[in-house]
C-alpha atoms as a PDB file:
ATOM      1  CA  UNK A   1     -43.734 -86.649 -70.542  1.00  0.00           C
ATOM      2  CA  UNK A   2     -41.100 -84.627 -68.597  1.00  0.00           C
ATOM      3  CA  UNK A   3     -38.274 -83.139 -70.510  1.00  0.00           C
ATOM      4  CA  UNK A   4     -34.755 -84.065 -69.408  1.00  0.00           C
ATOM      5  CA  UNK A   5     -31.453 -82.415 -70.106  1.00  0.00           C
ATOM      6  CA  UNK A   6     -28.582 -84.546 -71.215  1.00  0.00           C
ATOM      7  CA  UNK A   7     -24.983 -83.474 -71.466  1.00  0.00           C
ATOM      8  CA  UNK A   8     -23.586 -83.565 -74.948  1.00  0.00           C
ATOM      9  CA  UNK A   9     -19.987 -84.510 -75.581  1.00  0.00           C
ATOM     10  CA  UNK A  10     -17.843 -81.727 -77.011  1.00  0.00           C
ATOM     11  CA  UNK A  11     -16.504 -82.207 -80.520  1.00  0.00           C
ATOM     12  CA  UNK A  12     -13.212 -80.663 -79.447  1.00  0.00           C
ATOM     13  CA  UNK A  13     -12.016 -81.220 -75.901  1.00  0.00           C
ATOM     14  CA  UNK A  14     -11.021 -78.332 -73.667  1.00  0.00           C
ATOM     15  CA  UNK A  15      -7.385 -77.719 -72.760  1.00  0.00           C
ATOM     16  CA  UNK A  16      -5.774 -75.968 -69.850  1.00  0.00           C
ATOM     17  CA  UNK A  17      -4.257 -72.785 -71.222  1.00  0.00           C
ATOM     18  CA  UNK A  18      -0.794 -73.930 -70.138  1.00  0.00           C
ATOM     19  CA  UNK A  19      -1.261 -77.138 -72.194  1.00  0.00           C
ATOM     20  CA  UNK A  20      -2.694 -75.567 -75.361  1.00  0.00           C
ATOM     21  CA  UNK A  21      -0.691 -76.875 -78.341  1.00  0.00           C
ATOM     22  CA  UNK A  22      -0.240 -73.455 -79.994  1.00  0.00           C
ATOM     23  CA  UNK A  23       0.750 -71.356 -76.959  1.00  0.00           C
ATOM     24  CA  UNK A  24       4.221 -71.059 -75.440  1.00  0.00           C
ATOM     25  CA  UNK A  25       3.357 -71.104 -71.739  1.00  0.00           C
ATOM     26  CA  UNK A  26       4.311 -69.643 -69.300  1.00  0.00           C
ATOM     27  CA  UNK A  27       5.071 -66.106 -70.386  1.00  0.00           C
ATOM     28  CA  UNK A  28       8.552 -65.221 -69.200  1.00  0.00           C
ATOM     29  CA  UNK A  29      10.025 -68.664 -69.924  1.00  0.00           C
ATOM     30  CA  UNK A  30      11.693 -69.934 -73.101  1.00  0.00           C
ATOM     31  CA  UNK A  31      11.039 -69.283 -75.948  1.00  0.00           C
ATOM     32  CA  UNK A  32       9.397 -66.095 -74.640  1.00  0.00           C
ATOM     33  CA  UNK A  33      11.704 -63.456 -73.137  1.00  0.00           C
ATOM     34  CA  UNK A  34      11.962 -63.297 -69.323  1.00  0.00           C
ATOM     35  CA  UNK A  35       9.929 -60.788 -67.306  1.00  0.00           C
ATOM     36  CA  UNK A  36      11.931 -57.548 -67.405  1.00  0.00           C
ATOM     37  CA  UNK A  37      11.659 -55.031 -64.613  1.00  0.00           C
ATOM     38  CA  UNK A  38      13.524 -52.787 -62.197  1.00  0.00           C
ATOM     39  CA  UNK A  39      15.671 -55.528 -60.680  1.00  0.00           C
ATOM     40  CA  UNK A  40      18.256 -57.553 -62.607  1.00  0.00           C
ATOM     41  CA  UNK A  41      16.745 -60.797 -61.292  1.00  0.00           C
ATOM     42  CA  UNK A  42      13.802 -62.386 -63.060  1.00  0.00           C
ATOM     43  CA  UNK A  43      10.772 -63.374 -60.969  1.00  0.00           C
ATOM     44  CA  UNK A  44       9.372 -66.895 -61.074  1.00  0.00           C
ATOM     45  CA  UNK A  45       6.946 -66.653 -64.055  1.00  0.00           C
ATOM     46  CA  UNK A  46       4.062 -68.406 -62.282  1.00  0.00           C
ATOM     47  CA  UNK A  47       4.161 -65.988 -59.345  1.00  0.00           C
ATOM     48  CA  UNK A  48       3.730 -62.782 -61.380  1.00  0.00           C
ATOM     49  CA  UNK A  49       0.267 -61.209 -60.994  1.00  0.00           C
ATOM     50  CA  UNK A  50      -1.116 -60.203 -64.402  1.00  0.00           C
ATOM     51  CA  UNK A  51      -2.008 -56.492 -64.528  1.00  0.00           C
ATOM     52  CA  UNK A  52      -2.359 -55.767 -68.248  1.00  0.00           C
ATOM     53  CA  UNK A  53      -2.509 -57.256 -71.740  1.00  0.00           C
ATOM     54  CA  UNK A  54      -1.873 -55.443 -75.009  1.00  0.00           C
ATOM     55  CA  UNK A  55      -2.052 -56.744 -78.589  1.00  0.00           C
ATOM     56  CA  UNK A  56       0.893 -55.550 -80.709  1.00  0.00           C
ATOM     57  CA  UNK A  57       0.414 -55.726 -84.471  1.00  0.00           C
ATOM     58  CA  UNK A  58       3.142 -57.099 -86.731  1.00  0.00           C
ATOM     59  CA  UNK A  59       5.638 -54.684 -88.227  1.00  0.00           C
ATOM     60  CA  UNK A  60       8.922 -54.853 -90.128  1.00  0.00           C
ATOM     61  CA  UNK A  61      10.861 -55.739 -86.972  1.00  0.00           C
ATOM     62  CA  UNK A  62       8.597 -58.195 -85.132  1.00  0.00           C
ATOM     63  CA  UNK A  63       5.647 -60.470 -85.722  1.00  0.00           C
ATOM     64  CA  UNK A  64       2.327 -59.923 -83.937  1.00  0.00           C
ATOM     65  CA  UNK A  65       2.412 -60.732 -80.220  1.00  0.00           C
ATOM     66  CA  UNK A  66       0.966 -59.818 -76.832  1.00  0.00           C
ATOM     67  CA  UNK A  67       2.733 -57.553 -74.366  1.00  0.00           C
ATOM     68  CA  UNK A  68       1.944 -58.561 -70.805  1.00  0.00           C
ATOM     69  CA  UNK A  69       2.544 -56.526 -67.679  1.00  0.00           C
ATOM     70  CA  UNK A  70       2.502 -57.881 -64.172  1.00  0.00           C
ATOM     71  CA  UNK A  71       3.619 -57.230 -60.641  1.00  0.00           C
ATOM     72  CA  UNK A  72       5.812 -59.255 -58.333  1.00  0.00           C
ATOM     73  CA  UNK A  73       7.097 -58.084 -54.970  1.00  0.00           C
ATOM     74  CA  UNK A  74       5.638 -54.622 -55.585  1.00  0.00           C
ATOM     75  CA  UNK A  75       7.602 -54.147 -58.818  1.00  0.00           C
ATOM     76  CA  UNK A  76       6.208 -53.845 -62.341  1.00  0.00           C
ATOM     77  CA  UNK A  77       7.482 -56.328 -64.942  1.00  0.00           C
ATOM     78  CA  UNK A  78       6.834 -56.814 -68.674  1.00  0.00           C
ATOM     79  CA  UNK A  79       7.228 -59.643 -71.168  1.00  0.00           C
ATOM     80  CA  UNK A  80       5.870 -60.748 -74.522  1.00  0.00           C
ATOM     81  CA  UNK A  81       3.836 -63.819 -75.433  1.00  0.00           C
ATOM     82  CA  UNK A  82       3.671 -65.372 -78.881  1.00  0.00           C
ATOM     83  CA  UNK A  83       1.583 -68.150 -80.395  1.00  0.00           C
ATOM     84  CA  UNK A  84       2.101 -70.388 -83.430  1.00  0.00           C
ATOM     85  CA  UNK A  85      -1.019 -69.054 -85.187  1.00  0.00           C
ATOM     86  CA  UNK A  86      -1.276 -65.223 -85.181  1.00  0.00           C
ATOM     87  CA  UNK A  87      -5.017 -65.506 -85.885  1.00  0.00           C
ATOM     88  CA  UNK A  88      -5.444 -66.705 -82.281  1.00  0.00           C
ATOM     89  CA  UNK A  89      -3.879 -63.587 -80.728  1.00  0.00           C
ATOM     90  CA  UNK A  90      -7.097 -61.548 -80.612  1.00  0.00           C
ATOM     91  CA  UNK A  91      -8.944 -64.300 -78.714  1.00  0.00           C
ATOM     92  CA  UNK A  92      -5.986 -64.810 -76.387  1.00  0.00           C
ATOM     93  CA  UNK A  93      -5.872 -61.081 -75.675  1.00  0.00           C
ATOM     94  CA  UNK A  94      -9.555 -61.098 -74.658  1.00  0.00           C
ATOM     95  CA  UNK A  95      -9.108 -64.265 -72.586  1.00  0.00           C
ATOM     96  CA  UNK A  96      -6.087 -62.909 -70.707  1.00  0.00           C
ATOM     97  CA  UNK A  97      -7.863 -59.578 -70.213  1.00  0.00           C
ATOM     98  CA  UNK A  98     -10.501 -61.431 -68.200  1.00  0.00           C
ATOM     99  CA  UNK A  99      -7.749 -62.876 -65.992  1.00  0.00           C
ATOM    100  CA  UNK A 100      -6.187 -59.599 -64.850  1.00  0.00           C
ATOM    101  CA  UNK A 101      -5.467 -59.789 -61.123  1.00  0.00           C
ATOM    102  CA  UNK A 102      -4.600 -63.506 -61.144  1.00  0.00           C
ATOM    103  CA  UNK A 103      -1.144 -65.058 -60.984  1.00  0.00           C
ATOM    104  CA  UNK A 104       0.250 -66.532 -64.190  1.00  0.00           C
ATOM    105  CA  UNK A 105      -0.021 -69.987 -62.574  1.00  0.00           C
ATOM    106  CA  UNK A 106      -3.769 -69.449 -61.988  1.00  0.00           C
ATOM    107  CA  UNK A 107      -4.255 -68.099 -65.510  1.00  0.00           C
ATOM    108  CA  UNK A 108      -2.580 -71.193 -66.972  1.00  0.00           C
ATOM    109  CA  UNK A 109      -5.013 -73.471 -65.172  1.00  0.00           C
ATOM    110  CA  UNK A 110      -8.108 -72.006 -66.893  1.00  0.00           C
ATOM    111  CA  UNK A 111      -9.773 -74.229 -69.478  1.00  0.00           C
ATOM    112  CA  UNK A 112      -9.944 -72.902 -73.041  1.00  0.00           C
ATOM    113  CA  UNK A 113     -11.133 -74.263 -76.346  1.00  0.00           C
ATOM    114  CA  UNK A 114      -8.932 -74.611 -79.409  1.00  0.00           C
ATOM    115  CA  UNK A 115      -9.609 -70.997 -80.396  1.00  0.00           C
ATOM    116  CA  UNK A 116      -8.344 -69.858 -76.950  1.00  0.00           C
ATOM    117  CA  UNK A 117     -11.723 -68.735 -75.570  1.00  0.00           C
ATOM    118  CA  UNK A 118     -12.463 -69.391 -71.906  1.00  0.00           C
ATOM    119  CA  UNK A 119     -14.768 -72.330 -71.362  1.00  0.00           C
END
């Protein structure tokens, strides 16, 4: 008898990163601070190309968060990204690290599971 492969329904559905219930997307829009850079104007958050991701541990002045760097129009910009559950930051850091070189709009369209791992 030949063996067949059947798809199995996921227990927890996948979400687009921009629609994940515990992430404030996009970076650079409320409640996250805007992308700060050399010009006084803020770039459109979705058009920034992600160039780096850094996990910042909590201290007396701020809770744990990610520091993102990106380019737009040849200029370097930075912002921070927070989530409701700090335990998810490490997974989000790894996930965003795999998306370096993509625009924030493209990054937001990736599917992730509830623990913020790429699907």
